[in-house]
Amino acid sequence: MEHRPAYLIAGSDWPKVDAAASRLRSQFDSASIVQLGIGEEDERDVVAECNALDLLGGERLVLVRNVEQLEPGQIADIVSYLKDPAPGTCLALFGGGGIAEKDPLAKAVAKVGDVRIFDAPDRKRAADWVVKRFAESTTRCPLPVARRLVELAGEDIGDLALEVEKVATYVSGADPTVDDVDLLVIPQPDVKPWDVTDAWGRRDAAAVIRLTTADIELPGDLGRTVGQLASHIRKVRRALLVMEQGGTVEDVQKDQAIRSSFAARKLCDQARSFSDAELGRAIVRLAALDLAVKGGSRLDPRLELELALAELTTG
């Protein structure tokens, strides 16, 4: 398959951006792929990597993430490179929100390749997004069914993408019904993730455990609680990463498609209580906890939860 010299795929709809990156990466031999991350400690020069000689021969992929964090000088260098891109090299730029098709980088890529901007829907369009997501898997989803899914799963893009994939797999090409959604999509419990994260920031293990377990009554509640808490902590970490790059509350709000400026401000306040490494460890630990409470451990699931929460809070 012949590829264009450059691609720019970005937007706040990160499941689509990630899926596009995975598809493109799968079309290249792993030995011919160079992956770069803007803003990382070992950040390398994008243009230098594009111009590097490939000793193995064949087409190369230079895949760059976090391009919304590029400095003006870096953008200028890439724009200049795209006037005469290196033969046999495909430059793929991936980023989050904040990139527009009228930006200099997007215009330069469009002249030699493809630009696609995927933005997350606002509250009113969440059901429309679900319908389109189903369509991508060749499944027709009636709008009332999509609305029911949003009602149960909430409006977080990551959660919706996972639930759509689950339902689409279950119906296997047939049109999903409201009954299918009610069977497969478990309503989000009334967990208080903001309160839990505040208590965690104070290193108050007792309060973290009390708040997290307050709404757990049925066995199924525990797994959903873990999932919602993990989702919230991922949002806190994304907010921290934006802030560490000089981003404002408004940048965080745009990056995560948050409707309320108050919610974005609260997310930023919580992010200041943690380091990136600490939040990263928490996400990994909660993933292990999710496996444990779903049968991966011989311990009582609630005990596994309390042990994990105590570990996270005390470090």
C-alpha atoms as a PDB file:
ATOM      1  CA  MET A   1       0.000   0.000   0.000  1.00  0.00           C
ATOM      2  CA  GLU A   2       1.391   3.386  -1.001  1.00  0.00           C
ATOM      3  CA  HIS A   3       1.183   6.091   1.649  1.00  0.00           C
ATOM      4  CA  ARG A   4       1.117   9.866   1.395  1.00  0.00           C
ATOM      5  CA  PRO A   5       4.204  11.801   2.565  1.00  0.00           C
ATOM      6  CA  ALA A   6       2.344  13.185   5.597  1.00  0.00           C
ATOM      7  CA  TYR A   7      -0.789  12.784   7.706  1.00  0.00           C
ATOM      8  CA  LEU A   8      -2.200  14.949  10.480  1.00  0.00           C
ATOM      9  CA  ILE A   9      -4.854  13.293  12.640  1.00  0.00           C
ATOM     10  CA  ALA A  10      -5.949  15.119  15.759  1.00  0.00           C
ATOM     11  CA  GLY A  11      -8.870  16.196  17.908  1.00  0.00           C
ATOM     12  CA  SER A  12     -10.500  15.725  21.291  1.00  0.00           C
ATOM     13  CA  ASP A  13     -12.190  12.488  20.145  1.00  0.00           C
ATOM     14  CA  TRP A  14      -9.157  10.512  21.296  1.00  0.00           C
ATOM     15  CA  PRO A  15     -10.579   7.003  20.660  1.00  0.00           C
ATOM     16  CA  LYS A  16     -10.785   7.832  16.940  1.00  0.00           C
ATOM     17  CA  VAL A  17      -7.330   9.409  16.946  1.00  0.00           C
ATOM     18  CA  ASP A  18      -5.833   6.387  18.717  1.00  0.00           C
ATOM     19  CA  ALA A  19      -7.620   3.982  16.362  1.00  0.00           C
ATOM     20  CA  ALA A  20      -6.251   5.846  13.339  1.00  0.00           C
ATOM     21  CA  ALA A  21      -2.731   5.670  14.776  1.00  0.00           C
ATOM     22  CA  SER A  22      -3.068   1.922  15.341  1.00  0.00           C
ATOM     23  CA  ARG A  23      -4.350   1.318  11.810  1.00  0.00           C
ATOM     24  CA  LEU A  24      -1.532   3.272  10.208  1.00  0.00           C
ATOM     25  CA  ARG A  25       1.120   1.652  12.391  1.00  0.00           C
ATOM     26  CA  SER A  26      -0.152  -1.827  11.437  1.00  0.00           C
ATOM     27  CA  GLN A  27       0.581  -1.080   7.760  1.00  0.00           C
ATOM     28  CA  PHE A  28       4.343  -0.816   8.356  1.00  0.00           C
ATOM     29  CA  ASP A  29       6.972  -3.304   9.396  1.00  0.00           C
ATOM     30  CA  SER A  30       7.739  -2.733  13.091  1.00  0.00           C
ATOM     31  CA  ALA A  31      11.442  -2.326  12.322  1.00  0.00           C
ATOM     32  CA  SER A  32      10.701   0.616  10.019  1.00  0.00           C
ATOM     33  CA  ILE A  33       8.660   2.618  12.540  1.00  0.00           C
ATOM     34  CA  VAL A  34      10.092   5.514  14.548  1.00  0.00           C
ATOM     35  CA  GLN A  35       7.820   6.778  17.327  1.00  0.00           C
ATOM     36  CA  LEU A  36       8.321  10.206  18.882  1.00  0.00           C
ATOM     37  CA  GLY A  37       6.491  12.053  21.641  1.00  0.00           C
ATOM     38  CA  ILE A  38       6.509  15.835  21.833  1.00  0.00           C
ATOM     39  CA  GLY A  39       7.181  17.078  25.357  1.00  0.00           C
ATOM     40  CA  GLU A  40       8.835  13.877  26.542  1.00  0.00           C
ATOM     41  CA  GLU A  41      12.196  13.850  28.307  1.00  0.00           C
ATOM     42  CA  ASP A  42      13.928  12.064  25.431  1.00  0.00           C
ATOM     43  CA  GLU A  43      12.218  14.167  22.761  1.00  0.00           C
ATOM     44  CA  ARG A  44      13.991  13.970  19.390  1.00  0.00           C
ATOM     45  CA  ASP A  45      13.938  16.288  16.407  1.00  0.00           C
ATOM     46  CA  VAL A  46      11.097  15.382  14.038  1.00  0.00           C
ATOM     47  CA  VAL A  47      12.690  16.673  10.845  1.00  0.00           C
ATOM     48  CA  ALA A  48      16.022  14.990  11.621  1.00  0.00           C
ATOM     49  CA  GLU A  49      14.242  11.664  12.058  1.00  0.00           C
ATOM     50  CA  CYS A  50      12.399  12.139   8.762  1.00  0.00           C
ATOM     51  CA  ASN A  51      15.655  12.804   6.924  1.00  0.00           C
ATOM     52  CA  ALA A  52      17.559   9.932   8.558  1.00  0.00           C
ATOM     53  CA  LEU A  53      18.692   7.189   6.202  1.00  0.00           C
ATOM     54  CA  ASP A  54      16.987   3.801   6.481  1.00  0.00           C
ATOM     55  CA  LEU A  55      19.681   1.125   6.409  1.00  0.00           C
ATOM     56  CA  LEU A  56      17.087  -1.617   5.862  1.00  0.00           C
ATOM     57  CA  GLY A  57      15.477   0.041   2.853  1.00  0.00           C
ATOM     58  CA  GLY A  58      11.751   0.263   2.215  1.00  0.00           C
ATOM     59  CA  GLU A  59       9.151   2.749   3.422  1.00  0.00           C
ATOM     60  CA  ARG A  60       9.558   4.293   6.873  1.00  0.00           C
ATOM     61  CA  LEU A  61       6.944   5.647   9.262  1.00  0.00           C
ATOM     62  CA  VAL A  62       7.827   8.512  11.598  1.00  0.00           C
ATOM     63  CA  LEU A  63       4.900   8.601  14.027  1.00  0.00           C
ATOM     64  CA  VAL A  64       4.700  11.694  16.228  1.00  0.00           C
ATOM     65  CA  ARG A  65       2.288  12.064  19.144  1.00  0.00           C
ATOM     66  CA  ASN A  66       1.224  15.130  21.165  1.00  0.00           C
ATOM     67  CA  VAL A  67       1.721  17.464  18.195  1.00  0.00           C
ATOM     68  CA  GLU A  68      -0.532  20.042  19.854  1.00  0.00           C
ATOM     69  CA  GLN A  69       2.489  20.678  22.117  1.00  0.00           C
ATOM     70  CA  LEU A  70       4.830  21.639  19.270  1.00  0.00           C
ATOM     71  CA  GLU A  71       6.606  24.963  19.724  1.00  0.00           C
ATOM     72  CA  PRO A  72       6.313  27.595  16.950  1.00  0.00           C
ATOM     73  CA  GLY A  73       9.908  26.949  15.881  1.00  0.00           C
ATOM     74  CA  GLN A  74       9.276  23.221  15.594  1.00  0.00           C
ATOM     75  CA  ILE A  75       6.146  23.835  13.526  1.00  0.00           C
ATOM     76  CA  ALA A  76       8.089  26.113  11.209  1.00  0.00           C
ATOM     77  CA  ASP A  77      10.750  23.417  10.712  1.00  0.00           C
ATOM     78  CA  ILE A  78       8.118  20.787   9.851  1.00  0.00           C
ATOM     79  CA  VAL A  79       6.307  23.165   7.484  1.00  0.00           C
ATOM     80  CA  SER A  80       9.611  23.823   5.723  1.00  0.00           C
ATOM     81  CA  TYR A  81      10.364  20.083   5.532  1.00  0.00           C
ATOM     82  CA  LEU A  82       6.974  19.350   3.965  1.00  0.00           C
ATOM     83  CA  LYS A  83       7.849  21.577   1.001  1.00  0.00           C
ATOM     84  CA  ASP A  84      10.239  18.805  -0.057  1.00  0.00           C
ATOM     85  CA  PRO A  85       9.584  15.688   2.074  1.00  0.00           C
ATOM     86  CA  ALA A  86      12.068  12.839   2.107  1.00  0.00           C
ATOM     87  CA  PRO A  87      11.174  10.075  -0.362  1.00  0.00           C
ATOM     88  CA  GLY A  88      10.178   6.804   1.257  1.00  0.00           C
ATOM     89  CA  THR A  89       9.253   8.466   4.554  1.00  0.00           C
ATOM     90  CA  CYS A  90       5.713   8.849   5.852  1.00  0.00           C
ATOM     91  CA  LEU A  91       5.356  11.488   8.572  1.00  0.00           C
ATOM     92  CA  ALA A  92       2.262  10.864  10.728  1.00  0.00           C
ATOM     93  CA  LEU A  93       1.354  13.599  13.192  1.00  0.00           C
ATOM     94  CA  PHE A  94      -1.169  12.778  15.933  1.00  0.00           C
ATOM     95  CA  GLY A  95      -2.530  15.145  18.549  1.00  0.00           C
ATOM     96  CA  GLY A  96      -5.372  16.087  20.845  1.00  0.00           C
ATOM     97  CA  GLY A  97      -7.674  19.070  20.808  1.00  0.00           C
ATOM     98  CA  GLY A  98      -6.692  22.575  19.838  1.00  0.00           C
ATOM     99  CA  ILE A  99      -5.547  21.958  16.262  1.00  0.00           C
ATOM    100  CA  ALA A 100      -7.587  23.515  13.464  1.00  0.00           C
ATOM    101  CA  GLU A 101      -7.500  22.857   9.725  1.00  0.00           C
ATOM    102  CA  LYS A 102      -6.611  26.516   9.126  1.00  0.00           C
ATOM    103  CA  ASP A 103      -3.444  26.277  11.233  1.00  0.00           C
ATOM    104  CA  PRO A 104      -0.101  26.508   9.356  1.00  0.00           C
ATOM    105  CA  LEU A 105       0.815  22.904  10.192  1.00  0.00           C
ATOM    106  CA  ALA A 106      -2.503  21.544   8.934  1.00  0.00           C
ATOM    107  CA  LYS A 107      -2.283  23.600   5.737  1.00  0.00           C
ATOM    108  CA  ALA A 108       1.238  22.336   5.051  1.00  0.00           C
ATOM    109  CA  VAL A 109       0.231  18.701   5.579  1.00  0.00           C
ATOM    110  CA  ALA A 110      -2.884  19.102   3.421  1.00  0.00           C
ATOM    111  CA  LYS A 111      -0.742  20.125   0.436  1.00  0.00           C
ATOM    112  CA  VAL A 112       1.100  16.794   0.375  1.00  0.00           C
ATOM    113  CA  GLY A 113      -1.098  14.436   2.424  1.00  0.00           C
ATOM    114  CA  ASP A 114      -4.269  14.133   4.479  1.00  0.00           C
ATOM    115  CA  VAL A 115      -5.641  16.083   7.442  1.00  0.00           C
ATOM    116  CA  ARG A 116      -8.410  14.713   9.657  1.00  0.00           C
ATOM    117  CA  ILE A 117      -9.738  16.442  12.756  1.00  0.00           C
ATOM    118  CA  PHE A 118     -11.943  14.370  15.068  1.00  0.00           C
ATOM    119  CA  ASP A 119     -13.601  16.391  17.797  1.00  0.00           C
ATOM    120  CA  ALA A 120     -15.656  14.917  20.610  1.00  0.00           C
ATOM    121  CA  PRO A 121     -19.365  15.755  20.636  1.00  0.00           C
ATOM    122  CA  ASP A 122     -21.016  18.122  23.058  1.00  0.00           C
ATOM    123  CA  ARG A 123     -23.803  16.874  25.308  1.00  0.00           C
ATOM    124  CA  LYS A 124     -26.549  17.344  22.724  1.00  0.00           C
ATOM    125  CA  ARG A 125     -24.663  15.402  20.067  1.00  0.00           C
ATOM    126  CA  ALA A 126     -23.432  12.470  22.180  1.00  0.00           C
ATOM    127  CA  ALA A 127     -26.152  10.159  20.830  1.00  0.00           C
ATOM    128  CA  ASP A 128     -25.317  11.180  17.246  1.00  0.00           C
ATOM    129  CA  TRP A 129     -21.683  10.289  17.962  1.00  0.00           C
ATOM    130  CA  VAL A 130     -22.776   6.855  19.192  1.00  0.00           C
ATOM    131  CA  VAL A 131     -24.772   6.275  15.983  1.00  0.00           C
ATOM    132  CA  LYS A 132     -21.723   7.168  13.867  1.00  0.00           C
ATOM    133  CA  ARG A 133     -19.460   4.990  16.002  1.00  0.00           C
ATOM    134  CA  PHE A 134     -21.742   2.004  15.417  1.00  0.00           C
ATOM    135  CA  ALA A 135     -21.768   2.775  11.686  1.00  0.00           C
ATOM    136  CA  GLU A 136     -17.976   2.475  11.605  1.00  0.00           C
ATOM    137  CA  SER A 137     -18.423  -1.192  12.555  1.00  0.00           C
ATOM    138  CA  THR A 138     -21.124  -1.573   9.868  1.00  0.00           C
ATOM    139  CA  THR A 139     -23.875  -1.632  12.486  1.00  0.00           C
ATOM    140  CA  ARG A 140     -26.984   0.501  12.199  1.00  0.00           C
ATOM    141  CA  CYS A 141     -27.989   1.939  15.560  1.00  0.00           C
ATOM    142  CA  PRO A 142     -31.406   3.640  15.870  1.00  0.00           C
ATOM    143  CA  LEU A 143     -31.216   7.036  17.574  1.00  0.00           C
ATOM    144  CA  PRO A 144     -33.463   6.026  20.541  1.00  0.00           C
ATOM    145  CA  VAL A 145     -31.078   3.139  21.242  1.00  0.00           C
ATOM    146  CA  ALA A 146     -28.093   5.493  21.114  1.00  0.00           C
ATOM    147  CA  ARG A 147     -29.808   7.865  23.525  1.00  0.00           C
ATOM    148  CA  ARG A 148     -30.413   5.015  25.945  1.00  0.00           C
ATOM    149  CA  LEU A 149     -26.759   4.018  25.777  1.00  0.00           C
ATOM    150  CA  VAL A 150     -25.682   7.580  26.574  1.00  0.00           C
ATOM    151  CA  GLU A 151     -28.207   7.724  29.405  1.00  0.00           C
ATOM    152  CA  LEU A 152     -26.689   4.619  31.005  1.00  0.00           C
ATOM    153  CA  ALA A 153     -22.983   5.018  30.213  1.00  0.00           C
ATOM    154  CA  GLY A 154     -22.659   8.798  30.522  1.00  0.00           C
ATOM    155  CA  GLU A 155     -21.001  11.143  28.049  1.00  0.00           C
ATOM    156  CA  ASP A 156     -17.321  10.347  28.497  1.00  0.00           C
ATOM    157  CA  ILE A 157     -15.915   9.541  25.041  1.00  0.00           C
ATOM    158  CA  GLY A 158     -13.764   6.687  26.282  1.00  0.00           C
ATOM    159  CA  ASP A 159     -16.645   5.034  28.146  1.00  0.00           C
ATOM    160  CA  LEU A 160     -18.995   5.412  25.168  1.00  0.00           C
ATOM    161  CA  ALA A 161     -16.455   3.920  22.762  1.00  0.00           C
ATOM    162  CA  LEU A 162     -16.016   0.850  24.970  1.00  0.00           C
ATOM    163  CA  GLU A 163     -19.768   0.344  25.358  1.00  0.00           C
ATOM    164  CA  VAL A 164     -20.410   0.718  21.615  1.00  0.00           C
ATOM    165  CA  GLU A 165     -17.739  -1.887  20.893  1.00  0.00           C
ATOM    166  CA  LYS A 166     -19.305  -4.240  23.448  1.00  0.00           C
ATOM    167  CA  VAL A 167     -22.837  -3.896  22.064  1.00  0.00           C
ATOM    168  CA  ALA A 168     -21.710  -4.083  18.427  1.00  0.00           C
ATOM    169  CA  THR A 169     -19.839  -7.313  19.142  1.00  0.00           C
ATOM    170  CA  TYR A 170     -22.885  -8.770  20.879  1.00  0.00           C
ATOM    171  CA  VAL A 171     -25.392  -7.999  18.103  1.00  0.00           C
ATOM    172  CA  SER A 172     -22.918  -9.126  15.412  1.00  0.00           C
ATOM    173  CA  GLY A 173     -24.208  -6.982  12.553  1.00  0.00           C
ATOM    174  CA  ALA A 174     -27.852  -6.815  13.581  1.00  0.00           C
ATOM    175  CA  ASP A 175     -29.501  -3.575  14.674  1.00  0.00           C
ATOM    176  CA  PRO A 176     -29.080  -3.149  18.448  1.00  0.00           C
ATOM    177  CA  THR A 177     -32.214  -2.628  20.517  1.00  0.00           C
ATOM    178  CA  VAL A 178     -32.920  -0.854  23.779  1.00  0.00           C
ATOM    179  CA  ASP A 179     -33.176  -4.298  25.392  1.00  0.00           C
ATOM    180  CA  ASP A 180     -29.662  -5.138  24.156  1.00  0.00           C
ATOM    181  CA  VAL A 181     -28.316  -1.925  25.675  1.00  0.00           C
ATOM    182  CA  ASP A 182     -30.114  -2.531  28.980  1.00  0.00           C
ATOM    183  CA  LEU A 183     -28.669  -6.041  29.093  1.00  0.00           C
ATOM    184  CA  LEU A 184     -25.064  -5.081  28.370  1.00  0.00           C
ATOM    185  CA  VAL A 185     -24.533  -1.487  29.547  1.00  0.00           C
ATOM    186  CA  ILE A 186     -24.471  -1.192  33.322  1.00  0.00           C
ATOM    187  CA  PRO A 187     -25.514   2.236  34.661  1.00  0.00           C
ATOM    188  CA  GLN A 188     -22.777   4.304  36.218  1.00  0.00           C
ATOM    189  CA  PRO A 189     -23.117   4.145  40.009  1.00  0.00           C
ATOM    190  CA  ASP A 190     -23.380   7.273  42.085  1.00  0.00           C
ATOM    191  CA  VAL A 191     -19.702   7.289  42.976  1.00  0.00           C
ATOM    192  CA  LYS A 192     -18.246  10.592  44.105  1.00  0.00           C
ATOM    193  CA  PRO A 193     -14.951  10.649  42.176  1.00  0.00           C
ATOM    194  CA  TRP A 194     -14.268  14.293  42.977  1.00  0.00           C
ATOM    195  CA  ASP A 195     -14.569  13.639  46.710  1.00  0.00           C
ATOM    196  CA  VAL A 196     -12.472  10.470  46.455  1.00  0.00           C
ATOM    197  CA  THR A 197      -9.674  12.268  44.609  1.00  0.00           C
ATOM    198  CA  ASP A 198      -9.750  15.169  47.078  1.00  0.00           C
ATOM    199  CA  ALA A 199      -9.375  12.723  49.977  1.00  0.00           C
ATOM    200  CA  TRP A 200      -6.567  10.951  48.109  1.00  0.00           C
ATOM    201  CA  GLY A 201      -4.798  14.278  47.621  1.00  0.00           C
ATOM    202  CA  ARG A 202      -4.975  14.808  51.409  1.00  0.00           C
ATOM    203  CA  ARG A 203      -3.538  11.293  51.840  1.00  0.00           C
ATOM    204  CA  ASP A 204      -6.595  10.399  53.921  1.00  0.00           C
ATOM    205  CA  ALA A 205      -6.846   6.630  53.333  1.00  0.00           C
ATOM    206  CA  ALA A 206      -9.817   6.155  55.638  1.00  0.00           C
ATOM    207  CA  ALA A 207     -11.866   8.775  53.781  1.00  0.00           C
ATOM    208  CA  VAL A 208     -10.861   7.359  50.388  1.00  0.00           C
ATOM    209  CA  ILE A 209     -12.060   3.887  51.373  1.00  0.00           C
ATOM    210  CA  ARG A 210     -15.252   5.180  52.996  1.00  0.00           C
ATOM    211  CA  LEU A 211     -16.237   7.366  50.030  1.00  0.00           C
ATOM    212  CA  THR A 212     -15.388   4.755  47.394  1.00  0.00           C
ATOM    213  CA  THR A 213     -17.320   1.954  49.064  1.00  0.00           C
ATOM    214  CA  ALA A 214     -20.335   4.051  50.102  1.00  0.00           C
ATOM    215  CA  ASP A 215     -22.404   3.119  47.054  1.00  0.00           C
ATOM    216  CA  ILE A 216     -21.386  -0.535  46.819  1.00  0.00           C
ATOM    217  CA  GLU A 217     -24.366  -2.732  47.620  1.00  0.00           C
ATOM    218  CA  LEU A 218     -24.504  -5.426  44.935  1.00  0.00           C
ATOM    219  CA  PRO A 219     -21.551  -7.494  43.624  1.00  0.00           C
ATOM    220  CA  GLY A 220     -21.738  -5.757  40.250  1.00  0.00           C
ATOM    221  CA  ASP A 221     -21.383  -2.336  41.857  1.00  0.00           C
ATOM    222  CA  LEU A 222     -17.764  -2.979  42.790  1.00  0.00           C
ATOM    223  CA  GLY A 223     -16.447  -3.438  39.261  1.00  0.00           C
ATOM    224  CA  ARG A 224     -18.322  -0.383  38.015  1.00  0.00           C
ATOM    225  CA  THR A 225     -16.950   1.676  40.897  1.00  0.00           C
ATOM    226  CA  VAL A 226     -13.390   0.704  40.005  1.00  0.00           C
ATOM    227  CA  GLY A 227     -14.022   1.574  36.354  1.00  0.00           C
ATOM    228  CA  GLN A 228     -15.449   4.994  37.116  1.00  0.00           C
ATOM    229  CA  LEU A 229     -12.657   5.842  39.531  1.00  0.00           C
ATOM    230  CA  ALA A 230     -10.027   4.802  36.971  1.00  0.00           C
ATOM    231  CA  SER A 231     -11.746   6.911  34.308  1.00  0.00           C
ATOM    232  CA  HIS A 232     -11.689   9.955  36.586  1.00  0.00           C
ATOM    233  CA  ILE A 233      -8.021   9.501  37.461  1.00  0.00           C
ATOM    234  CA  ARG A 234      -7.151   9.296  33.762  1.00  0.00           C
ATOM    235  CA  LYS A 235      -8.867  12.671  33.330  1.00  0.00           C
ATOM    236  CA  VAL A 236      -6.864  14.119  36.231  1.00  0.00           C
ATOM    237  CA  ARG A 237      -3.655  12.874  34.630  1.00  0.00           C
ATOM    238  CA  ARG A 238      -4.553  14.323  31.222  1.00  0.00           C
ATOM    239  CA  ALA A 239      -5.223  17.652  32.946  1.00  0.00           C
ATOM    240  CA  LEU A 240      -1.843  17.497  34.666  1.00  0.00           C
ATOM    241  CA  LEU A 241      -0.017  16.800  31.398  1.00  0.00           C
ATOM    242  CA  VAL A 242      -1.699  19.780  29.725  1.00  0.00           C
ATOM    243  CA  MET A 243      -0.814  22.030  32.664  1.00  0.00           C
ATOM    244  CA  GLU A 244       2.810  20.846  32.735  1.00  0.00           C
ATOM    245  CA  GLN A 245       3.113  22.022  29.136  1.00  0.00           C
ATOM    246  CA  GLY A 246       1.928  25.499  30.133  1.00  0.00           C
ATOM    247  CA  GLY A 247      -1.757  24.904  29.420  1.00  0.00           C
ATOM    248  CA  THR A 248      -4.533  26.808  31.169  1.00  0.00           C
ATOM    249  CA  VAL A 249      -7.879  25.722  32.598  1.00  0.00           C
ATOM    250  CA  GLU A 250      -9.406  26.642  29.255  1.00  0.00           C
ATOM    251  CA  ASP A 251      -6.898  24.387  27.475  1.00  0.00           C
ATOM    252  CA  VAL A 252      -7.826  21.492  29.770  1.00  0.00           C
ATOM    253  CA  GLN A 253     -11.516  22.141  29.173  1.00  0.00           C
ATOM    254  CA  LYS A 254     -11.024  22.074  25.412  1.00  0.00           C
ATOM    255  CA  ASP A 255      -8.698  19.058  25.453  1.00  0.00           C
ATOM    256  CA  GLN A 256     -11.215  16.894  27.328  1.00  0.00           C
ATOM    257  CA  ALA A 257     -14.363  18.441  25.846  1.00  0.00           C
ATOM    258  CA  ILE A 258     -15.621  19.393  29.317  1.00  0.00           C
ATOM    259  CA  ARG A 259     -18.854  21.368  29.193  1.00  0.00           C
ATOM    260  CA  SER A 260     -18.473  23.129  32.545  1.00  0.00           C
ATOM    261  CA  SER A 261     -15.629  25.552  33.240  1.00  0.00           C
ATOM    262  CA  PHE A 262     -16.140  24.788  36.945  1.00  0.00           C
ATOM    263  CA  ALA A 263     -15.518  21.071  36.318  1.00  0.00           C
ATOM    264  CA  ALA A 264     -12.375  21.863  34.342  1.00  0.00           C
ATOM    265  CA  ARG A 265     -11.119  24.151  37.092  1.00  0.00           C
ATOM    266  CA  LYS A 266     -11.822  21.477  39.700  1.00  0.00           C
ATOM    267  CA  LEU A 267      -9.934  18.919  37.616  1.00  0.00           C
ATOM    268  CA  CYS A 268      -6.932  21.245  37.452  1.00  0.00           C
ATOM    269  CA  ASP A 269      -7.051  21.869  41.205  1.00  0.00           C
ATOM    270  CA  GLN A 270      -6.962  18.133  41.836  1.00  0.00           C
ATOM    271  CA  ALA A 271      -4.165  17.560  39.319  1.00  0.00           C
ATOM    272  CA  ARG A 272      -1.901  19.890  41.298  1.00  0.00           C
ATOM    273  CA  SER A 273      -2.013  17.446  44.224  1.00  0.00           C
ATOM    274  CA  PHE A 274      -0.257  14.682  42.298  1.00  0.00           C
ATOM    275  CA  SER A 275       2.789  13.940  40.178  1.00  0.00           C
ATOM    276  CA  ASP A 276       2.526  12.344  36.757  1.00  0.00           C
ATOM    277  CA  ALA A 277       4.365   9.269  38.048  1.00  0.00           C
ATOM    278  CA  GLU A 278       1.944   8.935  40.952  1.00  0.00           C
ATOM    279  CA  LEU A 279      -1.112   9.134  38.689  1.00  0.00           C
ATOM    280  CA  GLY A 280       0.451   6.710  36.238  1.00  0.00           C
ATOM    281  CA  ARG A 281       1.050   4.179  39.017  1.00  0.00           C
ATOM    282  CA  ALA A 282      -2.544   4.636  40.174  1.00  0.00           C
ATOM    283  CA  ILE A 283      -3.918   3.864  36.705  1.00  0.00           C
ATOM    284  CA  VAL A 284      -1.793   0.699  36.485  1.00  0.00           C
ATOM    285  CA  ARG A 285      -2.809  -0.365  40.011  1.00  0.00           C
ATOM    286  CA  LEU A 286      -6.503   0.148  39.267  1.00  0.00           C
ATOM    287  CA  ALA A 287      -6.172  -1.924  36.106  1.00  0.00           C
ATOM    288  CA  ALA A 288      -4.724  -4.752  38.207  1.00  0.00           C
ATOM    289  CA  LEU A 289      -7.542  -4.255  40.715  1.00  0.00           C
ATOM    290  CA  ASP A 290     -10.129  -4.481  37.937  1.00  0.00           C
ATOM    291  CA  LEU A 291      -8.718  -7.872  36.957  1.00  0.00           C
ATOM    292  CA  ALA A 292      -8.658  -9.002  40.591  1.00  0.00           C
ATOM    293  CA  VAL A 293     -12.292  -8.138  41.332  1.00  0.00           C
ATOM    294  CA  LYS A 294     -13.399  -9.887  38.136  1.00  0.00           C
ATOM    295  CA  GLY A 295     -12.067 -13.224  39.290  1.00  0.00           C
ATOM    296  CA  GLY A 296      -8.315 -12.803  38.993  1.00  0.00           C
ATOM    297  CA  SER A 297      -7.747 -13.100  42.744  1.00  0.00           C
ATOM    298  CA  ARG A 298      -8.769 -15.551  45.447  1.00  0.00           C
ATOM    299  CA  LEU A 299      -9.262 -12.728  47.939  1.00  0.00           C
ATOM    300  CA  ASP A 300     -12.654 -11.191  48.588  1.00  0.00           C
ATOM    301  CA  PRO A 301     -13.207  -8.483  45.912  1.00  0.00           C
ATOM    302  CA  ARG A 302     -14.100  -5.837  48.498  1.00  0.00           C
ATOM    303  CA  LEU A 303     -10.926  -6.599  50.437  1.00  0.00           C
ATOM    304  CA  GLU A 304      -8.940  -6.284  47.195  1.00  0.00           C
ATOM    305  CA  LEU A 305     -10.526  -2.869  46.673  1.00  0.00           C
ATOM    306  CA  GLU A 306      -9.727  -1.620  50.166  1.00  0.00           C
ATOM    307  CA  LEU A 307      -6.145  -2.892  49.996  1.00  0.00           C
ATOM    308  CA  ALA A 308      -5.594  -1.152  46.652  1.00  0.00           C
ATOM    309  CA  LEU A 309      -7.084   2.128  47.895  1.00  0.00           C
ATOM    310  CA  ALA A 310      -4.913   2.067  51.007  1.00  0.00           C
ATOM    311  CA  GLU A 311      -1.840   1.339  48.866  1.00  0.00           C
ATOM    312  CA  LEU A 312      -2.601   4.194  46.481  1.00  0.00           C
ATOM    313  CA  THR A 313      -3.202   6.695  49.264  1.00  0.00           C
ATOM    314  CA  THR A 314      -0.198   5.896  51.406  1.00  0.00           C
ATOM    315  CA  GLY A 315       2.166   5.352  48.477  1.00  0.00           C
END
